[in-house]
């Protein structure tokens, strides 16, 4: 494997860990994902709905992509909720 690919992989892992371990960063990314998903739904509904409806493949790809984005937001929100519960329980354990 090329050393630059390994370095890029390590940087990606570091970035993911910093986002997932920091509550503020998680919330920022979650908000961005929600906005992006809502913008995609709005564009598909009002902006390019005529173009999308011209082909069943476009409908499938566009709305399938919106569905996948929505599922990712839901999963990330669930992760955030569980992480907050874990963080608060660990704080309780230290305070007792």
PDB file of N, CA and C in Angstrom:
ATOM      1  N   UNK A   1       0.835  -1.169   0.000  1.00  0.00           N
ATOM      2  CA  UNK A   1       0.000   0.000   0.000  1.00  0.00           C
ATOM      3  C   UNK A   1       0.885   1.238   0.000  1.00  0.00           C
ATOM      4  N   UNK A   2       0.471   2.244  -0.713  1.00  0.00           N
ATOM      5  CA  UNK A   2       1.188   3.502  -0.827  1.00  0.00           C
ATOM      6  C   UNK A   2       1.174   4.223   0.529  1.00  0.00           C
ATOM      7  N   UNK A   3       2.320   4.752   0.983  1.00  0.00           N
ATOM      8  CA  UNK A   3       2.367   5.439   2.284  1.00  0.00           C
ATOM      9  C   UNK A   3       1.415   6.625   2.370  1.00  0.00           C
ATOM     10  N   UNK A   4       1.186   7.316   1.256  1.00  0.00           N
ATOM     11  CA  UNK A   4       0.271   8.462   1.296  1.00  0.00           C
ATOM     12  C   UNK A   4      -1.160   8.008   1.542  1.00  0.00           C
ATOM     13  N   UNK A   5      -1.531   6.820   1.038  1.00  0.00           N
ATOM     14  CA  UNK A   5      -2.870   6.290   1.294  1.00  0.00           C
ATOM     15  C   UNK A   5      -3.013   5.928   2.768  1.00  0.00           C
ATOM     16  N   UNK A   6      -1.985   5.364   3.346  1.00  0.00           N
ATOM     17  CA  UNK A   6      -2.008   5.006   4.758  1.00  0.00           C
ATOM     18  C   UNK A   6      -2.147   6.259   5.619  1.00  0.00           C
ATOM     19  N   UNK A   7      -1.436   7.310   5.270  1.00  0.00           N
ATOM     20  CA  UNK A   7      -1.500   8.563   6.004  1.00  0.00           C
ATOM     21  C   UNK A   7      -2.894   9.170   5.896  1.00  0.00           C
ATOM     22  N   UNK A   8      -3.465   9.126   4.714  1.00  0.00           N
ATOM     23  CA  UNK A   8      -4.814   9.653   4.507  1.00  0.00           C
ATOM     24  C   UNK A   8      -5.826   8.870   5.332  1.00  0.00           C
ATOM     25  N   UNK A   9      -5.664   7.550   5.371  1.00  0.00           N
ATOM     26  CA  UNK A   9      -6.556   6.699   6.158  1.00  0.00           C
ATOM     27  C   UNK A   9      -6.458   7.058   7.645  1.00  0.00           C
ATOM     28  N   UNK A  10      -5.240   7.245   8.145  1.00  0.00           N
ATOM     29  CA  UNK A  10      -5.051   7.596   9.552  1.00  0.00           C
ATOM     30  C   UNK A  10      -5.648   8.958   9.873  1.00  0.00           C
ATOM     31  N   UNK A  11      -5.524   9.906   8.951  1.00  0.00           N
ATOM     32  CA  UNK A  11      -6.128  11.228   9.149  1.00  0.00           C
ATOM     33  C   UNK A  11      -7.645  11.124   9.189  1.00  0.00           C
ATOM     34  N   UNK A  12      -8.223  10.279   8.332  1.00  0.00           N
ATOM     35  CA  UNK A  12      -9.671  10.089   8.325  1.00  0.00           C
ATOM     36  C   UNK A  12     -10.160   9.483   9.632  1.00  0.00           C
ATOM     37  N   UNK A  13      -9.416   8.516  10.141  1.00  0.00           N
ATOM     38  CA  UNK A  13      -9.779   7.888  11.412  1.00  0.00           C
ATOM     39  C   UNK A  13      -9.688   8.902  12.546  1.00  0.00           C
ATOM     40  N   UNK A  14      -8.662   9.715  12.545  1.00  0.00           N
ATOM     41  CA  UNK A  14      -8.500  10.738  13.579  1.00  0.00           C
ATOM     42  C   UNK A  14      -9.642  11.742  13.531  1.00  0.00           C
ATOM     43  N   UNK A  15     -10.017  12.168  12.330  1.00  0.00           N
ATOM     44  CA  UNK A  15     -11.126  13.106  12.180  1.00  0.00           C
ATOM     45  C   UNK A  15     -12.426  12.497  12.678  1.00  0.00           C
ATOM     46  N   UNK A  16     -12.691  11.258  12.314  1.00  0.00           N
ATOM     47  CA  UNK A  16     -13.918  10.592  12.751  1.00  0.00           C
ATOM     48  C   UNK A  16     -13.959  10.465  14.273  1.00  0.00           C
ATOM     49  N   UNK A  17     -12.848  10.105  14.867  1.00  0.00           N
ATOM     50  CA  UNK A  17     -12.805   9.983  16.328  1.00  0.00           C
ATOM     51  C   UNK A  17     -13.048  11.321  17.006  1.00  0.00           C
ATOM     52  N   UNK A  18     -12.464  12.380  16.462  1.00  0.00           N
ATOM     53  CA  UNK A  18     -12.657  13.691  17.085  1.00  0.00           C
ATOM     54  C   UNK A  18     -14.105  14.151  16.978  1.00  0.00           C
ATOM     55  N   UNK A  19     -14.768  13.831  15.880  1.00  0.00           N
ATOM     56  CA  UNK A  19     -16.173  14.199  15.724  1.00  0.00           C
ATOM     57  C   UNK A  19     -17.043  13.366  16.654  1.00  0.00           C
ATOM     58  N   UNK A  20     -16.807  12.070  16.703  1.00  0.00           N
ATOM     59  CA  UNK A  20     -17.664  11.187  17.482  1.00  0.00           C
ATOM     60  C   UNK A  20     -17.467  11.341  18.987  1.00  0.00           C
ATOM     61  N   UNK A  21     -16.311  11.763  19.432  1.00  0.00           N
ATOM     62  CA  UNK A  21     -16.042  11.854  20.866  1.00  0.00           C
ATOM     63  C   UNK A  21     -16.377  13.214  21.462  1.00  0.00           C
ATOM     64  N   UNK A  22     -16.578  14.212  20.632  1.00  0.00           N
ATOM     65  CA  UNK A  22     -16.843  15.567  21.118  1.00  0.00           C
ATOM     66  C   UNK A  22     -18.315  15.897  20.886  1.00  0.00           C
ATOM     67  N   UNK A  23     -19.057  16.136  21.967  1.00  0.00           N
ATOM     68  CA  UNK A  23     -20.492  16.378  21.863  1.00  0.00           C
ATOM     69  C   UNK A  23     -20.809  17.590  20.988  1.00  0.00           C
ATOM     70  N   UNK A  24     -20.058  18.665  21.133  1.00  0.00           N
ATOM     71  CA  UNK A  24     -20.304  19.868  20.334  1.00  0.00           C
ATOM     72  C   UNK A  24     -20.099  19.616  18.846  1.00  0.00           C
ATOM     73  N   UNK A  25     -19.027  18.921  18.508  1.00  0.00           N
ATOM     74  CA  UNK A  25     -18.760  18.598  17.099  1.00  0.00           C
ATOM     75  C   UNK A  25     -19.837  17.670  16.530  1.00  0.00           C
ATOM     76  N   UNK A  26     -20.258  16.686  17.337  1.00  0.00           N
ATOM     77  CA  UNK A  26     -21.324  15.781  16.889  1.00  0.00           C
ATOM     78  C   UNK A  26     -22.576  16.557  16.564  1.00  0.00           C
ATOM     79  N   UNK A  27     -22.918  17.499  17.416  1.00  0.00           N
ATOM     80  CA  UNK A  27     -24.138  18.274  17.204  1.00  0.00           C
ATOM     81  C   UNK A  27     -24.023  19.169  15.967  1.00  0.00           C
ATOM     82  N   UNK A  28     -22.848  19.741  15.740  1.00  0.00           N
ATOM     83  CA  UNK A  28     -22.646  20.562  14.535  1.00  0.00           C
ATOM     84  C   UNK A  28     -22.822  19.716  13.273  1.00  0.00           C
ATOM     85  N   UNK A  29     -22.197  18.526  13.261  1.00  0.00           N
ATOM     86  CA  UNK A  29     -22.304  17.655  12.095  1.00  0.00           C
ATOM     87  C   UNK A  29     -23.724  17.146  11.909  1.00  0.00           C
ATOM     88  N   UNK A  30     -24.402  16.859  13.004  1.00  0.00           N
ATOM     89  CA  UNK A  30     -25.791  16.410  12.922  1.00  0.00           C
ATOM     90  C   UNK A  30     -26.670  17.513  12.340  1.00  0.00           C
ATOM     91  N   UNK A  31     -26.465  18.745  12.781  1.00  0.00           N
ATOM     92  CA  UNK A  31     -27.233  19.873  12.243  1.00  0.00           C
ATOM     93  C   UNK A  31     -26.965  20.059  10.750  1.00  0.00           C
ATOM     94  N   UNK A  32     -25.708  19.937  10.356  1.00  0.00           N
ATOM     95  CA  UNK A  32     -25.373  20.066   8.933  1.00  0.00           C
ATOM     96  C   UNK A  32     -26.043  18.972   8.107  1.00  0.00           C
ATOM     97  N   UNK A  33     -26.037  17.761   8.646  1.00  0.00           N
ATOM     98  CA  UNK A  33     -26.666  16.642   7.927  1.00  0.00           C
ATOM     99  C   UNK A  33     -28.173  16.842   7.796  1.00  0.00           C
ATOM    100  N   UNK A  34     -28.810  17.354   8.847  1.00  0.00           N
ATOM    101  CA  UNK A  34     -30.254  17.613   8.802  1.00  0.00           C
ATOM    102  C   UNK A  34     -30.555  18.680   7.756  1.00  0.00           C
ATOM    103  N   UNK A  35     -29.788  19.758   7.762  1.00  0.00           N
ATOM    104  CA  UNK A  35     -30.009  20.833   6.786  1.00  0.00           C
ATOM    105  C   UNK A  35     -29.806  20.316   5.366  1.00  0.00           C
ATOM    106  N   UNK A  36     -28.745  19.564   5.140  1.00  0.00           N
ATOM    107  CA  UNK A  36     -28.473  19.023   3.810  1.00  0.00           C
ATOM    108  C   UNK A  36     -29.610  18.107   3.343  1.00  0.00           C
ATOM    109  N   UNK A  37     -30.105  17.268   4.243  1.00  0.00           N
ATOM    110  CA  UNK A  37     -31.202  16.370   3.900  1.00  0.00           C
ATOM    111  C   UNK A  37     -32.464  17.156   3.579  1.00  0.00           C
ATOM    112  N   UNK A  38     -32.784  18.158   4.389  1.00  0.00           N
ATOM    113  CA  UNK A  38     -33.978  18.965   4.146  1.00  0.00           C
ATOM    114  C   UNK A  38     -33.868  19.754   2.839  1.00  0.00           C
ATOM    115  N   UNK A  39     -32.681  20.250   2.542  1.00  0.00           N
ATOM    116  CA  UNK A  39     -32.471  20.965   1.276  1.00  0.00           C
ATOM    117  C   UNK A  39     -32.675  20.014   0.097  1.00  0.00           C
ATOM    118  N   UNK A  40     -32.143  18.797   0.212  1.00  0.00           N
ATOM    119  CA  UNK A  40     -32.332  17.811  -0.859  1.00  0.00           C
ATOM    120  C   UNK A  40     -33.800  17.474  -1.080  1.00  0.00           C
ATOM    121  N   UNK A  41     -34.533  17.317   0.005  1.00  0.00           N
ATOM    122  CA  UNK A  41     -35.968  17.025  -0.113  1.00  0.00           C
ATOM    123  C   UNK A  41     -36.702  18.208  -0.724  1.00  0.00           C
ATOM    124  N   UNK A  42     -36.380  19.415  -0.280  1.00  0.00           N
ATOM    125  CA  UNK A  42     -37.045  20.610  -0.814  1.00  0.00           C
ATOM    126  C   UNK A  42     -36.742  20.803  -2.298  1.00  0.00           C
ATOM    127  N   UNK A  43     -35.499  20.617  -2.688  1.00  0.00           N
ATOM    128  CA  UNK A  43     -35.136  20.755  -4.110  1.00  0.00           C
ATOM    129  C   UNK A  43     -35.873  19.716  -4.940  1.00  0.00           C
ATOM    130  N   UNK A  44     -35.924  18.496  -4.452  1.00  0.00           N
ATOM    131  CA  UNK A  44     -36.614  17.439  -5.184  1.00  0.00           C
ATOM    132  C   UNK A  44     -38.109  17.659  -5.271  1.00  0.00           C
ATOM    133  N   UNK A  45     -38.662  18.262  -4.222  1.00  0.00           N
ATOM    134  CA  UNK A  45     -40.110  18.484  -4.200  1.00  0.00           C
ATOM    135  C   UNK A  45     -40.521  19.681  -5.049  1.00  0.00           C
ATOM    136  N   UNK A  46     -39.769  20.773  -4.969  1.00  0.00           N
ATOM    137  CA  UNK A  46     -40.192  21.993  -5.648  1.00  0.00           C
ATOM    138  C   UNK A  46     -39.262  22.449  -6.763  1.00  0.00           C
ATOM    139  N   UNK A  47     -37.959  22.220  -6.636  1.00  0.00           N
ATOM    140  CA  UNK A  47     -37.013  22.767  -7.605  1.00  0.00           C
ATOM    141  C   UNK A  47     -36.916  21.988  -8.903  1.00  0.00           C
ATOM    142  N   UNK A  48     -36.755  20.688  -8.793  1.00  0.00           N
ATOM    143  CA  UNK A  48     -36.526  19.893 -10.002  1.00  0.00           C
ATOM    144  C   UNK A  48     -37.512  18.730 -10.109  1.00  0.00           C
ATOM    145  N   UNK A  49     -38.685  18.918  -9.544  1.00  0.00           N
ATOM    146  CA  UNK A  49     -39.657  17.821  -9.524  1.00  0.00           C
ATOM    147  C   UNK A  49     -40.069  17.383 -10.930  1.00  0.00           C
ATOM    148  N   UNK A  50     -40.185  18.335 -11.859  1.00  0.00           N
ATOM    149  CA  UNK A  50     -40.551  17.965 -13.230  1.00  0.00           C
ATOM    150  C   UNK A  50     -39.455  17.114 -13.878  1.00  0.00           C
ATOM    151  N   UNK A  51     -38.206  17.500 -13.664  1.00  0.00           N
ATOM    152  CA  UNK A  51     -37.084  16.751 -14.231  1.00  0.00           C
ATOM    153  C   UNK A  51     -37.008  15.353 -13.619  1.00  0.00           C
ATOM    154  N   UNK A  52     -37.204  15.271 -12.319  1.00  0.00           N
ATOM    155  CA  UNK A  52     -37.138  13.968 -11.643  1.00  0.00           C
ATOM    156  C   UNK A  52     -38.245  13.046 -12.150  1.00  0.00           C
ATOM    157  N   UNK A  53     -39.441  13.582 -12.308  1.00  0.00           N
ATOM    158  CA  UNK A  53     -40.582  12.735 -12.670  1.00  0.00           C
ATOM    159  C   UNK A  53     -40.555  12.272 -14.132  1.00  0.00           C
ATOM    160  N   UNK A  54     -39.599  12.742 -14.923  1.00  0.00           N
ATOM    161  CA  UNK A  54     -39.488  12.303 -16.313  1.00  0.00           C
ATOM    162  C   UNK A  54     -39.030  10.854 -16.438  1.00  0.00           C
ATOM    163  N   UNK A  55     -38.354  10.337 -15.435  1.00  0.00           N
ATOM    164  CA  UNK A  55     -37.792   8.994 -15.510  1.00  0.00           C
ATOM    165  C   UNK A  55     -37.957   8.267 -14.178  1.00  0.00           C
ATOM    166  N   UNK A  56     -38.371   7.016 -14.228  1.00  0.00           N
ATOM    167  CA  UNK A  56     -38.472   6.260 -12.971  1.00  0.00           C
ATOM    168  C   UNK A  56     -37.112   6.080 -12.282  1.00  0.00           C
ATOM    169  N   UNK A  57     -36.044   6.017 -13.067  1.00  0.00           N
ATOM    170  CA  UNK A  57     -34.714   5.883 -12.489  1.00  0.00           C
ATOM    171  C   UNK A  57     -34.332   7.134 -11.712  1.00  0.00           C
ATOM    172  N   UNK A  58     -34.703   8.298 -12.235  1.00  0.00           N
ATOM    173  CA  UNK A  58     -34.406   9.541 -11.521  1.00  0.00           C
ATOM    174  C   UNK A  58     -35.171   9.592 -10.206  1.00  0.00           C
ATOM    175  N   UNK A  59     -36.428   9.175 -10.257  1.00  0.00           N
ATOM    176  CA  UNK A  59     -37.235   9.140  -9.030  1.00  0.00           C
ATOM    177  C   UNK A  59     -36.580   8.208  -8.014  1.00  0.00           C
ATOM    178  N   UNK A  60     -36.217   7.025  -8.479  1.00  0.00           N
ATOM    179  CA  UNK A  60     -35.606   6.040  -7.593  1.00  0.00           C
ATOM    180  C   UNK A  60     -34.289   6.545  -7.013  1.00  0.00           C
ATOM    181  N   UNK A  61     -33.443   7.097  -7.856  1.00  0.00           N
ATOM    182  CA  UNK A  61     -32.145   7.576  -7.384  1.00  0.00           C
ATOM    183  C   UNK A  61     -32.273   8.787  -6.464  1.00  0.00           C
ATOM    184  N   UNK A  62     -33.074   9.775  -6.858  1.00  0.00           N
ATOM    185  CA  UNK A  62     -33.196  10.997  -6.047  1.00  0.00           C
ATOM    186  C   UNK A  62     -33.825  10.696  -4.694  1.00  0.00           C
ATOM    187  N   UNK A  63     -35.018  10.082  -4.725  1.00  0.00           N
ATOM    188  CA  UNK A  63     -35.722   9.845  -3.467  1.00  0.00           C
ATOM    189  C   UNK A  63     -35.080   8.724  -2.666  1.00  0.00           C
ATOM    190  N   UNK A  64     -34.423   7.799  -3.344  1.00  0.00           N
ATOM    191  CA  UNK A  64     -33.646   6.797  -2.625  1.00  0.00           C
ATOM    192  C   UNK A  64     -32.482   7.436  -1.889  1.00  0.00           C
ATOM    193  N   UNK A  65     -31.818   8.379  -2.558  1.00  0.00           N
ATOM    194  CA  UNK A  65     -30.724   9.115  -1.910  1.00  0.00           C
ATOM    195  C   UNK A  65     -31.220   9.929  -0.722  1.00  0.00           C
ATOM    196  N   UNK A  66     -32.380  10.546  -0.867  1.00  0.00           N
ATOM    197  CA  UNK A  66     -32.964  11.297   0.252  1.00  0.00           C
ATOM    198  C   UNK A  66     -33.315  10.359   1.402  1.00  0.00           C
ATOM    199  N   UNK A  67     -33.817   9.173   1.076  1.00  0.00           N
ATOM    200  CA  UNK A  67     -34.153   8.191   2.116  1.00  0.00           C
ATOM    201  C   UNK A  67     -32.893   7.720   2.842  1.00  0.00           C
ATOM    202  N   UNK A  68     -31.830   7.468   2.094  1.00  0.00           N
ATOM    203  CA  UNK A  68     -30.562   7.049   2.711  1.00  0.00           C
ATOM    204  C   UNK A  68     -30.018   8.166   3.598  1.00  0.00           C
ATOM    205  N   UNK A  69     -30.074   9.403   3.121  1.00  0.00           N
ATOM    206  CA  UNK A  69     -29.597  10.535   3.923  1.00  0.00           C
ATOM    207  C   UNK A  69     -30.413  10.671   5.203  1.00  0.00           C
ATOM    208  N   UNK A  70     -31.727  10.488   5.104  1.00  0.00           N
ATOM    209  CA  UNK A  70     -32.587  10.558   6.281  1.00  0.00           C
ATOM    210  C   UNK A  70     -32.252   9.450   7.273  1.00  0.00           C
ATOM    211  N   UNK A  71     -32.024   8.247   6.771  1.00  0.00           N
ATOM    212  CA  UNK A  71     -31.642   7.129   7.655  1.00  0.00           C
ATOM    213  C   UNK A  71     -30.307   7.399   8.335  1.00  0.00           C
ATOM    214  N   UNK A  72     -29.361   7.996   7.617  1.00  0.00           N
ATOM    215  CA  UNK A  72     -28.069   8.338   8.215  1.00  0.00           C
ATOM    216  C   UNK A  72     -28.245   9.367   9.334  1.00  0.00           C
ATOM    217  N   UNK A  73     -29.105  10.352   9.117  1.00  0.00           N
ATOM    218  CA  UNK A  73     -29.376  11.352  10.151  1.00  0.00           C
ATOM    219  C   UNK A  73     -29.985  10.682  11.378  1.00  0.00           C
ATOM    220  N   UNK A  74     -30.944   9.794  11.165  1.00  0.00           N
ATOM    221  CA  UNK A  74     -31.587   9.101  12.280  1.00  0.00           C
ATOM    222  C   UNK A  74     -30.565   8.267  13.053  1.00  0.00           C
ATOM    223  N   UNK A  75     -29.719   7.535  12.342  1.00  0.00           N
ATOM    224  CA  UNK A  75     -28.712   6.715  13.006  1.00  0.00           C
ATOM    225  C   UNK A  75     -27.692   7.568  13.770  1.00  0.00           C
ATOM    226  N   UNK A  76     -27.300   8.679  13.186  1.00  0.00           N
ATOM    227  CA  UNK A  76     -26.341   9.558  13.841  1.00  0.00           C
ATOM    228  C   UNK A  76     -26.970  10.196  15.082  1.00  0.00           C
ATOM    229  N   UNK A  77     -28.254  10.562  14.994  1.00  0.00           N
ATOM    230  CA  UNK A  77     -28.959  11.115  16.154  1.00  0.00           C
ATOM    231  C   UNK A  77     -29.078  10.064  17.257  1.00  0.00           C
ATOM    232  N   UNK A  78     -29.345   8.830  16.890  1.00  0.00           N
ATOM    233  CA  UNK A  78     -29.411   7.748  17.862  1.00  0.00           C
ATOM    234  C   UNK A  78     -28.044   7.544  18.528  1.00  0.00           C
ATOM    235  N   UNK A  79     -26.991   7.564  17.735  1.00  0.00           N
ATOM    236  CA  UNK A  79     -25.631   7.456  18.293  1.00  0.00           C
ATOM    237  C   UNK A  79     -25.380   8.595  19.271  1.00  0.00           C
ATOM    238  N   UNK A  80     -25.770   9.806  18.890  1.00  0.00           N
ATOM    239  CA  UNK A  80     -25.557  10.958  19.753  1.00  0.00           C
ATOM    240  C   UNK A  80     -26.312  10.786  21.070  1.00  0.00           C
ATOM    241  N   UNK A  81     -27.557  10.336  20.998  1.00  0.00           N
ATOM    242  CA  UNK A  81     -28.340  10.143  22.217  1.00  0.00           C
ATOM    243  C   UNK A  81     -27.690   9.102  23.125  1.00  0.00           C
ATOM    244  N   UNK A  82     -27.255   8.004  22.550  1.00  0.00           N
ATOM    245  CA  UNK A  82     -26.601   6.966  23.355  1.00  0.00           C
ATOM    246  C   UNK A  82     -25.270   7.446  23.926  1.00  0.00           C
ATOM    247  N   UNK A  83     -24.542   8.230  23.155  1.00  0.00           N
ATOM    248  CA  UNK A  83     -23.266   8.762  23.638  1.00  0.00           C
ATOM    249  C   UNK A  83     -23.488   9.734  24.796  1.00  0.00           C
ATOM    250  N   UNK A  84     -24.528  10.542  24.708  1.00  0.00           N
ATOM    251  CA  UNK A  84     -24.833  11.475  25.795  1.00  0.00           C
ATOM    252  C   UNK A  84     -25.213  10.706  27.054  1.00  0.00           C
ATOM    253  N   UNK A  85     -26.012   9.667  26.901  1.00  0.00           N
ATOM    254  CA  UNK A  85     -26.376   8.837  28.056  1.00  0.00           C
ATOM    255  C   UNK A  85     -25.121   8.241  28.688  1.00  0.00           C
ATOM    256  N   UNK A  86     -24.228   7.707  27.858  1.00  0.00           N
ATOM    257  CA  UNK A  86     -22.987   7.125  28.366  1.00  0.00           C
ATOM    258  C   UNK A  86     -22.136   8.178  29.082  1.00  0.00           C
ATOM    259  N   UNK A  87     -22.027   9.380  28.489  1.00  0.00           N
ATOM    260  CA  UNK A  87     -21.235  10.448  29.103  1.00  0.00           C
ATOM    261  C   UNK A  87     -21.819  10.866  30.448  1.00  0.00           C
ATOM    262  N   UNK A  88     -23.133  11.001  30.511  1.00  0.00           N
ATOM    263  CA  UNK A  88     -23.768  11.419  31.759  1.00  0.00           C
ATOM    264  C   UNK A  88     -23.651  10.341  32.834  1.00  0.00           C
ATOM    265  N   UNK A  89     -23.762   9.099  32.449  1.00  0.00           N
ATOM    266  CA  UNK A  89     -23.603   8.007  33.427  1.00  0.00           C
ATOM    267  C   UNK A  89     -22.169   7.961  33.966  1.00  0.00           C
ATOM    268  N   UNK A  90     -21.210   8.221  33.089  1.00  0.00           N
ATOM    269  CA  UNK A  90     -19.819   8.206  33.568  1.00  0.00           C
ATOM    270  C   UNK A  90     -19.568   9.400  34.488  1.00  0.00           C
ATOM    271  N   UNK A  91     -20.235  10.524  34.256  1.00  0.00           N
ATOM    272  CA  UNK A  91     -20.116  11.671  35.161  1.00  0.00           C
ATOM    273  C   UNK A  91     -20.730  11.341  36.512  1.00  0.00           C
ATOM    274  N   UNK A  92     -21.879  10.678  36.490  1.00  0.00           N
ATOM    275  CA  UNK A  92     -22.538  10.274  37.742  1.00  0.00           C
ATOM    276  C   UNK A  92     -21.641   9.346  38.542  1.00  0.00           C
ATOM    277  N   UNK A  93     -21.013   8.401  37.857  1.00  0.00           N
ATOM    278  CA  UNK A  93     -20.130   7.453  38.524  1.00  0.00           C
ATOM    279  C   UNK A  93     -18.946   8.117  39.189  1.00  0.00           C
ATOM    280  N   UNK A  94     -18.422   9.169  38.562  1.00  0.00           N
ATOM    281  CA  UNK A  94     -17.281   9.887  39.138  1.00  0.00           C
ATOM    282  C   UNK A  94     -17.701  10.754  40.314  1.00  0.00           C
ATOM    283  N   UNK A  95     -18.935  11.272  40.271  1.00  0.00           N
ATOM    284  CA  UNK A  95     -19.412  12.154  41.349  1.00  0.00           C
ATOM    285  C   UNK A  95     -19.856  11.372  42.589  1.00  0.00           C
ATOM    286  N   UNK A  96     -20.151  10.107  42.453  1.00  0.00           N
ATOM    287  CA  UNK A  96     -20.635   9.323  43.605  1.00  0.00           C
ATOM    288  C   UNK A  96     -19.535   8.934  44.538  1.00  0.00           C
TER     289      UNK A  96
END
